[in-house]
C-alpha atoms as a PDB file:
ATOM      1  CA  MET A   1     -61.945  16.914 -33.035  1.00  0.00           C
ATOM      2  CA  ALA A   2     -58.743  15.366 -31.741  1.00  0.00           C
ATOM      3  CA  PHE A   3     -56.753  18.315 -33.108  1.00  0.00           C
ATOM      4  CA  LEU A   4     -59.048  20.796 -31.323  1.00  0.00           C
ATOM      5  CA  LYS A   5     -58.710  18.902 -28.048  1.00  0.00           C
ATOM      6  CA  LEU A   6     -54.932  18.873 -28.315  1.00  0.00           C
ATOM      7  CA  SER A   7     -54.884  22.588 -29.093  1.00  0.00           C
ATOM      8  CA  THR A   8     -57.100  23.353 -26.086  1.00  0.00           C
ATOM      9  CA  LEU A   9     -54.892  21.284 -23.770  1.00  0.00           C
ATOM     10  CA  ALA A  10     -51.761  23.027 -25.071  1.00  0.00           C
ATOM     11  CA  LEU A  11     -53.268  26.486 -24.487  1.00  0.00           C
ATOM     12  CA  LEU A  12     -54.317  25.540 -20.943  1.00  0.00           C
ATOM     13  CA  SER A  13     -50.862  24.182 -20.132  1.00  0.00           C
ATOM     14  CA  LEU A  14     -49.218  27.362 -21.461  1.00  0.00           C
ATOM     15  CA  ARG A  15     -51.496  29.492 -19.280  1.00  0.00           C
ATOM     16  CA  LEU A  16     -50.659  27.388 -16.216  1.00  0.00           C
ATOM     17  CA  ILE A  17     -46.934  27.660 -16.893  1.00  0.00           C
ATOM     18  CA  ALA A  18     -47.192  31.426 -17.362  1.00  0.00           C
ATOM     19  CA  SER A  19     -49.170  31.867 -14.136  1.00  0.00           C
ATOM     20  CA  PHE A  20     -46.702  29.715 -12.181  1.00  0.00           C
ATOM     21  CA  ALA A  21     -43.756  31.722 -13.553  1.00  0.00           C
ATOM     22  CA  GLN A  22     -45.494  34.952 -12.609  1.00  0.00           C
ATOM     23  CA  ALA A  23     -46.091  33.665  -9.066  1.00  0.00           C
ATOM     24  CA  ALA A  24     -42.434  32.615  -8.795  1.00  0.00           C
ATOM     25  CA  ASP A  25     -41.294  36.065  -9.902  1.00  0.00           C
ATOM     26  CA  ILE A  26     -43.577  37.647  -7.322  1.00  0.00           C
ATOM     27  CA  VAL A  27     -42.167  35.357  -4.594  1.00  0.00           C
ATOM     28  CA  ASP A  28     -38.557  36.178  -5.499  1.00  0.00           C
ATOM     29  CA  GLU A  29     -39.322  39.890  -5.567  1.00  0.00           C
ATOM     30  CA  GLU A  30     -41.083  39.733  -2.205  1.00  0.00           C
ATOM     31  CA  LEU A  31     -38.245  37.792  -0.553  1.00  0.00           C
ATOM     32  CA  GLU A  32     -35.569  40.138  -1.882  1.00  0.00           C
ATOM     33  CA  ASN A  33     -37.513  43.182  -0.674  1.00  0.00           C
ATOM     34  CA  PRO A  34     -38.615  42.264   2.863  1.00  0.00           C
ATOM     35  CA  SER A  35     -39.287  45.846   3.919  1.00  0.00           C
ATOM     36  CA  THR A  36     -42.757  45.912   2.327  1.00  0.00           C
ATOM     37  CA  THR A  37     -45.336  44.847   4.907  1.00  0.00           C
ATOM     38  CA  PRO A  38     -48.921  44.365   3.716  1.00  0.00           C
ATOM     39  CA  ASP A  39     -51.948  45.764   5.451  1.00  0.00           C
ATOM     40  CA  LEU A  40     -53.019  42.308   6.541  1.00  0.00           C
ATOM     41  CA  ALA A  41     -54.187  41.218   9.969  1.00  0.00           C
ATOM     42  CA  VAL A  42     -51.692  38.363  10.124  1.00  0.00           C
ATOM     43  CA  GLN A  43     -48.906  38.143  12.667  1.00  0.00           C
ATOM     44  CA  VAL A  44     -45.788  36.010  12.181  1.00  0.00           C
ATOM     45  CA  SER A  45     -43.016  35.430  14.732  1.00  0.00           C
ATOM     46  CA  ALA A  46     -39.938  33.223  14.558  1.00  0.00           C
ATOM     47  CA  SER A  47     -38.136  31.365  17.314  1.00  0.00           C
ATOM     48  CA  PHE A  48     -35.124  29.042  17.411  1.00  0.00           C
ATOM     49  CA  PRO A  49     -35.564  26.073  19.773  1.00  0.00           C
ATOM     50  CA  SER A  50     -31.834  25.279  19.855  1.00  0.00           C
ATOM     51  CA  SER A  51     -30.650  28.852  20.395  1.00  0.00           C
ATOM     52  CA  GLU A  52     -28.581  29.912  23.391  1.00  0.00           C
ATOM     53  CA  ILE A  53     -29.200  32.623  25.910  1.00  0.00           C
ATOM     54  CA  PHE A  54     -26.492  34.791  24.344  1.00  0.00           C
ATOM     55  CA  GLY A  55     -28.175  34.862  20.958  1.00  0.00           C
ATOM     56  CA  VAL A  56     -28.808  32.851  17.831  1.00  0.00           C
ATOM     57  CA  LYS A  57     -25.796  30.995  16.442  1.00  0.00           C
ATOM     58  CA  LEU A  58     -25.741  29.411  12.988  1.00  0.00           C
ATOM     59  CA  VAL A  59     -23.341  26.469  13.009  1.00  0.00           C
ATOM     60  CA  ASN A  60     -21.652  25.787   9.679  1.00  0.00           C
ATOM     61  CA  GLY A  61     -22.545  22.421   8.210  1.00  0.00           C
ATOM     62  CA  HIS A  62     -25.406  21.823  10.652  1.00  0.00           C
ATOM     63  CA  PRO A  63     -29.060  22.575   9.853  1.00  0.00           C
ATOM     64  CA  THR A  64     -30.623  25.408  11.794  1.00  0.00           C
ATOM     65  CA  ARG A  65     -34.300  24.953  12.675  1.00  0.00           C
ATOM     66  CA  ALA A  66     -36.579  27.953  12.954  1.00  0.00           C
ATOM     67  CA  LEU A  67     -40.176  27.714  14.152  1.00  0.00           C
ATOM     68  CA  LEU A  68     -42.541  30.256  12.578  1.00  0.00           C
ATOM     69  CA  SER A  69     -45.838  30.907  14.377  1.00  0.00           C
ATOM     70  CA  PHE A  70     -48.732  32.333  12.295  1.00  0.00           C
ATOM     71  CA  SER A  71     -51.783  34.030  13.773  1.00  0.00           C
ATOM     72  CA  ASN A  72     -54.605  34.743  11.311  1.00  0.00           C
ATOM     73  CA  ASN A  73     -56.772  37.584  12.541  1.00  0.00           C
ATOM     74  CA  GLU A  74     -58.508  38.004   9.190  1.00  0.00           C
ATOM     75  CA  LEU A  75     -62.156  37.182   8.543  1.00  0.00           C
ATOM     76  CA  ALA A  76     -61.122  34.840   5.725  1.00  0.00           C
ATOM     77  CA  PRO A  77     -58.606  32.021   5.564  1.00  0.00           C
ATOM     78  CA  ILE A  78     -55.089  32.634   4.293  1.00  0.00           C
ATOM     79  CA  SER A  79     -52.551  30.312   2.686  1.00  0.00           C
ATOM     80  CA  VAL A  80     -48.832  30.180   3.545  1.00  0.00           C
ATOM     81  CA  SER A  81     -47.175  29.661   0.182  1.00  0.00           C
ATOM     82  CA  PHE A  82     -43.427  30.028   0.801  1.00  0.00           C
ATOM     83  CA  ILE A  83     -40.940  30.612   3.596  1.00  0.00           C
ATOM     84  CA  GLY A  84     -37.463  31.854   2.820  1.00  0.00           C
ATOM     85  CA  GLY A  85     -34.744  34.115   4.049  1.00  0.00           C
ATOM     86  CA  SER A  86     -31.442  35.800   3.396  1.00  0.00           C
ATOM     87  CA  LEU A  87     -28.294  36.908   5.203  1.00  0.00           C
ATOM     88  CA  TRP A  88     -27.255  40.568   5.117  1.00  0.00           C
ATOM     89  CA  THR A  89     -24.310  42.538   6.407  1.00  0.00           C
ATOM     90  CA  PRO A  90     -24.971  44.397   9.670  1.00  0.00           C
ATOM     91  CA  ASP A  91     -26.392  47.881   9.587  1.00  0.00           C
ATOM     92  CA  ILE A  92     -23.124  49.240  11.018  1.00  0.00           C
ATOM     93  CA  ASP A  93     -21.310  48.380   7.769  1.00  0.00           C
ATOM     94  CA  PRO A  94     -19.803  51.620   6.346  1.00  0.00           C
ATOM     95  CA  GLN A  95     -20.682  50.502   2.819  1.00  0.00           C
ATOM     96  CA  GLY A  96     -24.294  49.967   3.772  1.00  0.00           C
ATOM     97  CA  SER A  97     -26.246  46.802   4.369  1.00  0.00           C
ATOM     98  CA  ARG A  98     -25.957  44.419   1.435  1.00  0.00           C
ATOM     99  CA  ILE A  99     -27.053  40.854   0.848  1.00  0.00           C
ATOM    100  CA  VAL A 100     -24.497  38.108   1.469  1.00  0.00           C
ATOM    101  CA  ARG A 101     -26.436  34.945   0.615  1.00  0.00           C
ATOM    102  CA  ASN A 102     -29.995  33.820  -0.070  1.00  0.00           C
ATOM    103  CA  LEU A 103     -31.259  30.907   1.960  1.00  0.00           C
ATOM    104  CA  THR A 104     -33.346  27.987   0.786  1.00  0.00           C
ATOM    105  CA  THR A 105     -36.936  28.793  -0.136  1.00  0.00           C
ATOM    106  CA  THR A 106     -39.404  26.110   0.973  1.00  0.00           C
ATOM    107  CA  ARG A 107     -42.894  25.674  -0.449  1.00  0.00           C
ATOM    108  CA  TYR A 108     -45.711  24.892   2.038  1.00  0.00           C
ATOM    109  CA  ASN A 109     -49.194  25.732   0.680  1.00  0.00           C
ATOM    110  CA  VAL A 110     -50.714  25.433   4.164  1.00  0.00           C
ATOM    111  CA  GLU A 111     -54.123  27.014   4.707  1.00  0.00           C
ATOM    112  CA  ILE A 112     -54.836  28.714   8.034  1.00  0.00           C
ATOM    113  CA  PRO A 113     -58.544  29.305   8.802  1.00  0.00           C
ATOM    114  CA  ALA A 114     -59.788  32.640  10.063  1.00  0.00           C
ATOM    115  CA  GLY A 115     -58.990  33.276  13.713  1.00  0.00           C
ATOM    116  CA  GLN A 116     -56.669  30.235  13.934  1.00  0.00           C
ATOM    117  CA  LYS A 117     -52.966  29.798  14.666  1.00  0.00           C
ATOM    118  CA  GLU A 118     -50.432  27.548  13.011  1.00  0.00           C
ATOM    119  CA  SER A 119     -46.723  26.775  13.513  1.00  0.00           C
ATOM    120  CA  LEU A 120     -44.436  25.764  10.646  1.00  0.00           C
ATOM    121  CA  SER A 121     -40.846  24.547  10.812  1.00  0.00           C
ATOM    122  CA  TYR A 122     -38.222  26.000   8.488  1.00  0.00           C
ATOM    123  CA  SER A 123     -34.682  24.596   8.274  1.00  0.00           C
ATOM    124  CA  PHE A 124     -31.609  25.935   6.503  1.00  0.00           C
ATOM    125  CA  ALA A 125     -27.826  25.509   6.606  1.00  0.00           C
ATOM    126  CA  THR A 126     -24.857  27.833   6.141  1.00  0.00           C
ATOM    127  CA  GLU A 127     -21.242  27.499   5.010  1.00  0.00           C
ATOM    128  CA  LEU A 128     -19.651  30.880   5.658  1.00  0.00           C
ATOM    129  CA  HIS A 129     -16.701  32.367   7.495  1.00  0.00           C
ATOM    130  CA  PRO A 130     -17.339  33.056  11.194  1.00  0.00           C
ATOM    131  CA  GLN A 131     -18.859  36.520  11.413  1.00  0.00           C
ATOM    132  CA  ASP A 132     -21.914  38.454  12.543  1.00  0.00           C
ATOM    133  CA  LEU A 133     -24.686  38.896   9.970  1.00  0.00           C
ATOM    134  CA  ARG A 134     -28.287  39.995   9.921  1.00  0.00           C
ATOM    135  CA  LEU A 135     -30.763  37.175   9.370  1.00  0.00           C
ATOM    136  CA  ASN A 136     -33.978  38.021   7.587  1.00  0.00           C
ATOM    137  CA  LEU A 137     -36.789  35.451   7.488  1.00  0.00           C
ATOM    138  CA  ALA A 138     -39.993  36.177   5.592  1.00  0.00           C
ATOM    139  CA  ALA A 139     -43.166  34.324   4.713  1.00  0.00           C
ATOM    140  CA  VAL A 140     -45.170  34.757   1.531  1.00  0.00           C
ATOM    141  CA  VAL A 141     -48.910  34.364   2.176  1.00  0.00           C
ATOM    142  CA  SER A 142     -51.894  34.732  -0.100  1.00  0.00           C
ATOM    143  CA  ASP A 143     -55.490  35.656   0.656  1.00  0.00           C
ATOM    144  CA  GLU A 144     -58.679  34.187  -0.758  1.00  0.00           C
ATOM    145  CA  LYS A 145     -58.346  36.384  -3.859  1.00  0.00           C
ATOM    146  CA  GLY A 146     -54.916  34.951  -4.709  1.00  0.00           C
ATOM    147  CA  THR A 147     -52.969  38.105  -3.857  1.00  0.00           C
ATOM    148  CA  PHE A 148     -49.501  37.473  -2.483  1.00  0.00           C
ATOM    149  CA  TYR A 149     -48.186  39.319   0.577  1.00  0.00           C
ATOM    150  CA  ASN A 150     -44.775  39.333   2.190  1.00  0.00           C
ATOM    151  CA  ILE A 151     -44.683  39.229   6.005  1.00  0.00           C
ATOM    152  CA  GLN A 152     -41.401  39.581   7.841  1.00  0.00           C
ATOM    153  CA  ALA A 153     -40.882  37.036  10.614  1.00  0.00           C
ATOM    154  CA  PHE A 154     -37.331  37.683  11.848  1.00  0.00           C
ATOM    155  CA  ASN A 155     -34.775  40.441  11.274  1.00  0.00           C
ATOM    156  CA  GLU A 156     -31.980  40.374  13.847  1.00  0.00           C
ATOM    157  CA  THR A 157     -28.218  39.889  14.077  1.00  0.00           C
ATOM    158  CA  VAL A 158     -26.934  36.306  14.338  1.00  0.00           C
ATOM    159  CA  SER A 159     -23.461  34.776  14.644  1.00  0.00           C
ATOM    160  CA  ILE A 160     -21.926  32.356  12.151  1.00  0.00           C
ATOM    161  CA  VAL A 161     -19.720  29.896  14.069  1.00  0.00           C
ATOM    162  CA  GLU A 162     -17.738  26.731  13.346  1.00  0.00           C
ATOM    163  CA  PRO A 163     -18.841  23.394  14.883  1.00  0.00           C
ATOM    164  CA  ASP A 164     -17.181  22.267  18.111  1.00  0.00           C
ATOM    165  CA  THR A 165     -14.400  19.731  17.599  1.00  0.00           C
ATOM    166  CA  SER A 166     -14.564  16.486  19.581  1.00  0.00           C
ATOM    167  CA  PHE A 167     -11.832  13.897  20.111  1.00  0.00           C
ATOM    168  CA  LEU A 168     -14.350  11.142  19.293  1.00  0.00           C
ATOM    169  CA  ASP A 169     -14.941  12.581  15.836  1.00  0.00           C
ATOM    170  CA  PRO A 170     -13.841   9.904  13.284  1.00  0.00           C
ATOM    171  CA  GLN A 171     -12.116  12.491  11.110  1.00  0.00           C
ATOM    172  CA  ILE A 172     -10.158  13.887  14.060  1.00  0.00           C
ATOM    173  CA  MET A 173      -9.206  10.386  15.237  1.00  0.00           C
ATOM    174  CA  PHE A 174      -7.964   9.403  11.779  1.00  0.00           C
ATOM    175  CA  LEU A 175      -5.942  12.629  11.587  1.00  0.00           C
ATOM    176  CA  TYR A 176      -4.328  11.936  14.959  1.00  0.00           C
ATOM    177  CA  LEU A 177      -3.455   8.353  13.971  1.00  0.00           C
ATOM    178  CA  PHE A 178      -1.950   9.494  10.680  1.00  0.00           C
ATOM    179  CA  LEU A 179       0.181  12.155  12.380  1.00  0.00           C
ATOM    180  CA  LEU A 180       1.311   9.663  15.039  1.00  0.00           C
ATOM    181  CA  ALA A 181       2.323   7.083  12.413  1.00  0.00           C
ATOM    182  CA  ALA A 182       4.207   9.715  10.420  1.00  0.00           C
ATOM    183  CA  PHE A 183       6.047  10.896  13.553  1.00  0.00           C
ATOM    184  CA  ALA A 184       6.998   7.324  14.557  1.00  0.00           C
ATOM    185  CA  GLY A 185       8.275   6.537  11.057  1.00  0.00           C
ATOM    186  CA  THR A 186      10.377   9.707  10.998  1.00  0.00           C
ATOM    187  CA  CYS A 187      11.906   8.928  14.397  1.00  0.00           C
ATOM    188  CA  TYR A 188      12.722   5.349  13.331  1.00  0.00           C
ATOM    189  CA  PHE A 189      14.414   6.576  10.150  1.00  0.00           C
ATOM    190  CA  ILE A 190      16.501   9.159  12.028  1.00  0.00           C
ATOM    191  CA  TYR A 191      17.568   6.581  14.627  1.00  0.00           C
ATOM    192  CA  ASN A 192      18.693   3.981  12.074  1.00  0.00           C
ATOM    193  CA  THR A 193      20.416   6.548   9.864  1.00  0.00           C
ATOM    194  CA  TRP A 194      22.353   8.709  12.308  1.00  0.00           C
ATOM    195  CA  ILE A 195      21.941   7.732  15.965  1.00  0.00           C
ATOM    196  CA  SER A 196      22.585   3.960  15.757  1.00  0.00           C
ATOM    197  CA  THR A 197      25.992   4.548  14.123  1.00  0.00           C
ATOM    198  CA  LEU A 198      27.218   6.428  17.207  1.00  0.00           C
ATOM    199  CA  PHE A 199      26.981   3.369  19.499  1.00  0.00           C
ATOM    200  CA  PRO A 200      29.580   0.509  19.364  1.00  0.00           C
ATOM    201  CA  GLN A 201      28.319  -2.653  17.740  1.00  0.00           C
ATOM    202  CA  LYS A 202      28.318  -5.792  19.922  1.00  0.00           C
ATOM    203  CA  ARG A 203      30.248  -8.795  18.556  1.00  0.00           C
ATOM    204  CA  ARG A 204      28.174 -11.878  18.076  1.00  0.00           C
ATOM    205  CA  GLY A 205      29.315 -14.712  20.341  1.00  0.00           C
ATOM    206  CA  GLY A 206      32.897 -15.577  21.349  1.00  0.00           C
ATOM    207  CA  LYS A 207      35.272 -18.221  20.105  1.00  0.00           C
ATOM    208  CA  GLY A 208      34.320 -21.311  18.174  1.00  0.00           C
ATOM    209  CA  GLY A 209      34.180 -23.562  21.232  1.00  0.00           C
ATOM    210  CA  GLU A 210      31.935 -21.175  23.088  1.00  0.00           C
ATOM    211  CA  ARG A 211      29.593 -20.838  20.113  1.00  0.00           C
ATOM    212  CA  ALA A 212      29.317 -24.620  19.816  1.00  0.00           C
ATOM    213  CA  LYS A 213      28.641 -24.906  23.516  1.00  0.00           C
ATOM    214  CA  ARG A 214      25.895 -22.271  23.397  1.00  0.00           C
ATOM    215  CA  SER A 215      24.326 -23.810  20.298  1.00  0.00           C
ATOM    216  CA  SER A 216      24.108 -27.211  21.962  1.00  0.00           C
ATOM    217  CA  GLY A 217      22.611 -25.657  25.085  1.00  0.00           C
ATOM    218  CA  GLY A 218      25.295 -27.181  27.364  1.00  0.00           C
ATOM    219  CA  SER A 219      23.008 -30.137  28.154  1.00  0.00           C
ATOM    220  CA  GLN A 220      24.263 -32.839  25.730  1.00  0.00           C
ATOM    221  CA  LYS A 221      27.539 -34.652  26.219  1.00  0.00           C
ATOM    222  CA  VAL A 222      29.590 -35.165  23.075  1.00  0.00           C
ATOM    223  CA  ASP A 223      31.888 -38.116  22.487  1.00  0.00           C
ATOM    224  CA  PRO A 224      35.444 -36.906  21.845  1.00  0.00           C
ATOM    225  CA  ALA A 225      35.731 -39.364  18.966  1.00  0.00           C
ATOM    226  CA  ASP A 226      32.893 -37.608  17.163  1.00  0.00           C
ATOM    227  CA  GLN A 227      34.391 -34.125  17.576  1.00  0.00           C
ATOM    228  CA  VAL A 228      36.058 -32.520  14.583  1.00  0.00           C
ATOM    229  CA  SER A 229      38.263 -29.467  15.046  1.00  0.00           C
ATOM    230  CA  VAL A 230      37.868 -26.655  12.581  1.00  0.00           C
ATOM    231  CA  LEU A 231      40.183 -23.687  12.388  1.00  0.00           C
ATOM    232  CA  GLY A 232      38.520 -20.359  11.960  1.00  0.00           C
ATOM    233  CA  ALA A 233      39.155 -16.710  12.316  1.00  0.00           C
ATOM    234  CA  ASP A 234      38.136 -16.761  15.965  1.00  0.00           C
ATOM    235  CA  GLY A 235      40.150 -19.851  16.880  1.00  0.00           C
ATOM    236  CA  PRO A 236      39.484 -23.586  16.903  1.00  0.00           C
ATOM    237  CA  ALA A 237      35.848 -24.590  16.868  1.00  0.00           C
ATOM    238  CA  VAL A 238      34.472 -28.016  17.703  1.00  0.00           C
ATOM    239  CA  THR A 239      31.510 -29.569  15.960  1.00  0.00           C
ATOM    240  CA  SER A 240      29.774 -32.722  17.147  1.00  0.00           C
ATOM    241  CA  GLY A 241      27.602 -35.410  15.753  1.00  0.00           C
ATOM    242  CA  ALA A 242      27.573 -36.905  12.258  1.00  0.00           C
ATOM    243  CA  LYS A 243      29.954 -35.462   9.720  1.00  0.00           C
ATOM    244  CA  ALA A 244      28.249 -33.011   7.418  1.00  0.00           C
ATOM    245  CA  TYR A 245      30.776 -33.389   4.554  1.00  0.00           C
ATOM    246  CA  ASP A 246      32.158 -36.040   2.160  1.00  0.00           C
ATOM    247  CA  GLU A 247      35.785 -36.994   2.959  1.00  0.00           C
ATOM    248  CA  SER A 248      36.374 -38.459  -0.517  1.00  0.00           C
ATOM    249  CA  TRP A 249      36.737 -34.936  -1.869  1.00  0.00           C
ATOM    250  CA  ILE A 250      39.410 -33.933   0.682  1.00  0.00           C
ATOM    251  CA  PRO A 251      43.081 -34.801  -0.094  1.00  0.00           C
ATOM    252  CA  GLN A 252      44.711 -37.313   2.252  1.00  0.00           C
ATOM    253  CA  HIS A 253      47.489 -34.954   3.348  1.00  0.00           C
ATOM    254  CA  HIS A 254      44.816 -32.605   4.665  1.00  0.00           C
ATOM    255  CA  ILE A 255      43.017 -35.340   6.560  1.00  0.00           C
ATOM    256  CA  ASN A 256      46.143 -37.067   7.984  1.00  0.00           C
ATOM    257  CA  ARG A 257      47.842 -34.030   9.337  1.00  0.00           C
ATOM    258  CA  PRO A 258      51.342 -34.597  10.891  1.00  0.00           C
ATOM    259  CA  GLU A 259      51.476 -34.136  14.613  1.00  0.00           C
ATOM    260  CA  ALA A 260      53.461 -31.213  15.883  1.00  0.00           C
ATOM    261  CA  LYS A 261      56.628 -32.099  17.762  1.00  0.00           C
ATOM    262  CA  ARG A 262      56.628 -31.062  21.352  1.00  0.00           C
ATOM    263  CA  VAL A 263      59.695 -29.233  22.633  1.00  0.00           C
ATOM    264  CA  LYS A 264      60.658 -29.528  26.255  1.00  0.00           C
ATOM    265  CA  SER A 265      60.758 -26.223  27.995  1.00  0.00           C
ATOM    266  CA  GLY A 266      63.244 -27.328  30.695  1.00  0.00           C
ATOM    267  CA  GLY A 267      66.635 -26.869  28.951  1.00  0.00           C
ATOM    268  CA  PRO A 268      67.931 -23.920  26.995  1.00  0.00           C
ATOM    269  CA  ALA A 269      67.328 -23.997  23.310  1.00  0.00           C
ATOM    270  CA  ARG A 270      70.383 -24.688  21.185  1.00  0.00           C
ATOM    271  CA  PRO A 271      70.974 -22.127  18.511  1.00  0.00           C
ATOM    272  CA  LYS A 272      71.240 -23.513  15.018  1.00  0.00           C
ATOM    273  CA  SER A 273      74.707 -23.218  13.554  1.00  0.00           C
ATOM    274  CA  ARG A 274      75.055 -21.800  10.178  1.00  0.00           C
ATOM    275  CA  SER A 275      77.871 -23.118   8.002  1.00  0.00           C
ATOM    276  CA  LYS A 276      79.973 -20.420   6.572  1.00  0.00           C
ATOM    277  CA  PRO A 277      80.928 -20.694   2.972  1.00  0.00           C
ATOM    278  CA  GLU A 278      84.584 -21.383   2.297  1.00  0.00           C
END
């Protein structure tokens, strides 16, 4: 008994899968061939709430919302199974109108009673080069007998456009900051490499006494006994305060330097006589 039940369930599932595949094939065929209009008292119209006065524009990367209005004038209810569409080249194409891209097919399964109206929203997005194409929107409906019909809702020329750029866009702001940083770094490198070498370099400070005076700020008085003279390349420099070196390592003849004899500038200098060899 269990084997028979399993076999029955398997056969039923296979039949359901086959019927669903057949319905899908019918839907694809109906959407790819939108010219066939059934003899069905059902009217479908499409409108775009966000469209402009100059026509419908499909913005790349942004969803486009279409509103499909159904009017069932049949004596029996109908069911809206799918809504889909496709983009075609314009009719003025010398090579003939051909399909460019199929749009997303959305399943609804919404029943509309006899003599009633219903509006369904259908959204899709595009990523194409800016151009003019023909947009075809179609709805696949079924009657009470399960027969599928294709009803065309929209078939007009639309424009594919790029989104408007804004300065407050995070991507644009990051791009501007990156370009500004790269430009500033390039200018800094050029200035330090070539331009700065053309200007004369300023010498740091003056003589040793002036440097010591500037370092002390000119506000502290130094005892002459604590001053130590140091000879440098820029002249004698004077340091003040405690000695920052150990005198035990310095030879005595360097510490006790002989004083230079002063020569009076009043009288003429006597030339030194050289003794001639005999």
